[in-house]
Amino acid sequence: MEIINIFAILMSPIIAIQVQKFLDRKKQNTERRSQIFKILMSTRRARLSVHHIDALNSIDIEFSEKRFTNVINAWKNYFDALCINETNDSVIQKRNDLYSALLFELAKSTGYEYFTLSDINRNYYYPKGLVDNDNDSLTIRQSITSIVKGEKPIKIKIEE
């Protein structure tokens, strides 16, 4: 009996440390998954953001467990839609729908079950000034690209 008591006394701190490490890893995993969802929600109208793209690319890693099959399937469907080179209205709408479905699955799997598809699609703030700035930047980049490629001439007006 004494041997069992001595063994228990010696092993208790080791077991406690291992249990604490397990709980810490579980908490960190949960926090990383939650952070991905938060980033994707906060950047859902700024999908070219580096943070947005990094979060998308982290889904395969952070949601690799079998219990996240719905998230992985939603991510694969959205990814496939992103790989389509067309940009017509139906493709854009399909991407938006698949992105909303991905966010919905992420919300459910990270403990934010109260989010509906309607919340995901409409509850965001994206000020007109930022939209104008993004559109202007795109126009400038496209114009410079077409000039560099020789598709457009540079107009010069000489005044005396």
Protein backbone atom coordinates (compact mmCIF):
# COMPACT_ATOMS: atom_id res chain seq x y z
CA MET A 1 0.00 0.00 0.00
CA GLU A 2 2.87 2.35 0.80
CA ILE A 3 4.34 1.82 -2.65
CA ILE A 4 1.06 2.86 -4.25
CA ASN A 5 0.92 6.00 -2.08
CA ILE A 6 4.51 6.93 -2.91
CA PHE A 7 3.87 6.31 -6.61
CA ALA A 8 0.71 8.47 -6.45
CA ILE A 9 2.56 11.26 -4.66
CA LEU A 10 5.36 11.22 -7.24
CA MET A 11 3.08 10.97 -10.27
CA SER A 12 0.44 13.52 -9.25
CA PRO A 13 2.45 16.61 -10.26
CA ILE A 14 3.44 15.02 -13.57
CA ILE A 15 -0.14 14.09 -14.36
CA ALA A 16 -1.35 17.56 -13.33
CA ILE A 17 1.20 19.22 -15.62
CA GLN A 18 0.21 17.00 -18.55
CA VAL A 19 -3.48 17.70 -18.00
CA GLN A 20 -2.76 21.45 -17.85
CA LYS A 21 -0.75 21.27 -21.09
CA PHE A 22 -3.62 19.42 -22.76
CA LEU A 23 -6.13 22.04 -21.59
CA ASP A 24 -3.85 24.87 -22.72
CA ARG A 25 -3.46 23.35 -26.20
CA LYS A 26 -7.21 22.89 -26.47
CA LYS A 27 -7.80 26.51 -25.45
CA GLN A 28 -5.22 27.80 -27.96
CA ASN A 29 -6.80 25.76 -30.75
CA THR A 30 -10.22 27.16 -29.89
CA GLU A 31 -8.84 30.71 -29.80
CA ARG A 32 -7.14 30.31 -33.19
CA ARG A 33 -10.35 29.01 -34.76
CA SER A 34 -12.33 31.82 -33.22
CA GLN A 35 -9.77 34.36 -34.48
CA ILE A 36 -10.12 33.06 -38.03
CA PHE A 37 -13.88 33.54 -37.84
CA LYS A 38 -13.51 37.04 -36.38
CA ILE A 39 -11.05 38.10 -39.10
CA LEU A 40 -13.23 36.74 -41.89
CA MET A 41 -16.31 38.44 -40.43
CA SER A 42 -14.54 41.77 -39.98
CA THR A 43 -13.03 41.70 -43.48
CA ARG A 44 -16.02 40.26 -45.35
CA ARG A 45 -16.31 43.46 -47.43
CA ALA A 46 -12.54 43.77 -47.89
CA ARG A 47 -11.72 40.37 -49.33
CA LEU A 48 -8.41 41.47 -50.82
CA SER A 49 -7.08 42.26 -47.34
CA VAL A 50 -3.94 40.31 -46.47
CA HIS A 51 -5.50 39.40 -43.12
CA HIS A 52 -8.56 38.04 -44.91
CA ILE A 53 -6.51 35.89 -47.26
CA ASP A 54 -4.28 34.62 -44.42
CA ALA A 55 -7.36 33.63 -42.43
CA LEU A 56 -8.82 31.76 -45.41
CA ASN A 57 -5.56 29.92 -45.95
CA SER A 58 -5.51 28.88 -42.28
CA ILE A 59 -8.85 27.08 -42.43
CA ASP A 60 -7.38 23.79 -43.70
CA ILE A 61 -4.93 23.71 -40.80
CA GLU A 62 -7.08 24.88 -37.91
CA PHE A 63 -10.25 23.00 -38.86
CA SER A 64 -8.63 19.72 -39.88
CA GLU A 65 -10.43 17.58 -37.28
CA LYS A 66 -13.25 15.34 -38.47
CA ARG A 67 -15.84 17.29 -36.45
CA PHE A 68 -15.24 20.29 -38.72
CA THR A 69 -16.18 18.51 -41.96
CA ASN A 70 -18.91 21.08 -42.68
CA VAL A 71 -16.39 23.93 -42.42
CA ILE A 72 -13.88 22.20 -44.69
CA ASN A 73 -16.57 21.37 -47.26
CA ALA A 74 -17.84 24.97 -47.23
CA TRP A 75 -14.24 26.23 -47.62
CA LYS A 76 -13.58 23.85 -50.55
CA ASN A 77 -16.78 24.96 -52.29
CA TYR A 78 -15.87 28.63 -51.84
CA PHE A 79 -12.27 28.00 -52.93
CA ASP A 80 -13.47 26.26 -56.09
CA ALA A 81 -15.66 29.28 -56.87
CA LEU A 82 -12.69 31.60 -56.32
CA CYS A 83 -10.69 29.65 -58.89
CA ILE A 84 -13.20 30.37 -61.66
CA ASN A 85 -11.68 33.04 -63.91
CA GLU A 86 -15.01 34.49 -64.97
CA THR A 87 -16.32 37.61 -63.26
CA ASN A 88 -19.88 37.85 -64.51
CA ASP A 89 -22.75 38.61 -62.12
CA SER A 90 -23.80 34.99 -61.62
CA VAL A 91 -20.26 33.91 -60.69
CA ILE A 92 -19.90 36.82 -58.29
CA GLN A 93 -23.27 36.00 -56.70
CA LYS A 94 -22.28 32.34 -56.37
CA ARG A 95 -19.02 33.36 -54.66
CA ASN A 96 -20.89 35.62 -52.27
CA ASP A 97 -23.39 32.88 -51.43
CA LEU A 98 -20.65 30.32 -50.86
CA TYR A 99 -18.68 32.79 -48.74
CA SER A 100 -21.75 33.42 -46.60
CA ALA A 101 -22.22 29.67 -46.22
CA LEU A 102 -18.58 29.35 -45.13
CA LEU A 103 -19.00 32.08 -42.53
CA PHE A 104 -22.19 30.46 -41.31
CA GLU A 105 -20.42 27.10 -40.80
CA LEU A 106 -17.49 28.84 -39.11
CA ALA A 107 -19.90 30.65 -36.79
CA LYS A 108 -21.58 27.40 -35.77
CA SER A 109 -18.27 25.61 -35.20
CA THR A 110 -16.71 28.41 -33.13
CA GLY A 111 -19.59 29.01 -30.75
CA TYR A 112 -21.25 31.94 -32.52
CA GLU A 113 -24.44 30.03 -33.30
CA TYR A 114 -26.61 33.14 -33.03
CA PHE A 115 -25.37 34.47 -36.40
CA THR A 116 -27.85 33.91 -39.20
CA LEU A 117 -27.11 34.09 -42.92
CA SER A 118 -29.01 37.36 -42.93
CA ASP A 119 -26.72 38.78 -40.23
CA ILE A 120 -23.66 37.69 -42.15
CA ASN A 121 -24.89 39.23 -45.41
CA ARG A 122 -26.05 42.60 -44.17
CA ASN A 123 -24.51 43.57 -40.83
CA TYR A 124 -21.24 45.18 -41.80
CA TYR A 125 -19.84 48.69 -42.03
CA TYR A 126 -17.99 49.68 -45.18
CA PRO A 127 -17.99 53.46 -45.59
CA LYS A 128 -18.49 55.07 -48.99
CA GLY A 129 -15.13 56.82 -48.72
CA LEU A 130 -13.36 53.49 -48.46
CA VAL A 131 -15.37 52.09 -51.38
CA ASP A 132 -14.43 55.16 -53.46
CA ASN A 133 -10.79 54.82 -52.42
CA ASP A 134 -10.73 51.13 -53.38
CA ASN A 135 -12.40 51.86 -56.74
CA ASP A 136 -9.98 54.73 -57.47
CA SER A 137 -6.99 52.55 -56.60
CA LEU A 138 -8.27 49.82 -58.90
CA THR A 139 -8.83 52.29 -61.75
CA ILE A 140 -5.33 53.75 -61.33
CA ARG A 141 -3.70 50.30 -61.24
CA GLN A 142 -5.63 49.15 -64.31
CA SER A 143 -4.77 52.34 -66.21
CA ILE A 144 -1.07 52.12 -65.39
CA THR A 145 -1.03 48.43 -66.33
CA SER A 146 -2.63 49.13 -69.72
CA ILE A 147 -0.10 51.91 -70.38
CA VAL A 148 2.86 49.71 -69.41
CA LYS A 149 1.53 46.89 -71.62
CA GLY A 150 1.23 49.32 -74.52
CA GLU A 151 -2.53 48.95 -74.71
CA LYS A 152 -3.14 52.65 -74.02
CA PRO A 153 -1.10 55.66 -75.04
CA ILE A 154 -0.02 58.37 -72.63
CA LYS A 155 -1.74 61.63 -73.58
CA ILE A 156 0.46 64.67 -73.33
CA LYS A 157 -0.79 68.21 -73.70
CA ILE A 158 1.77 70.90 -74.30
CA GLU A 159 0.80 74.43 -73.37
CA GLU A 160 2.77 77.53 -74.16
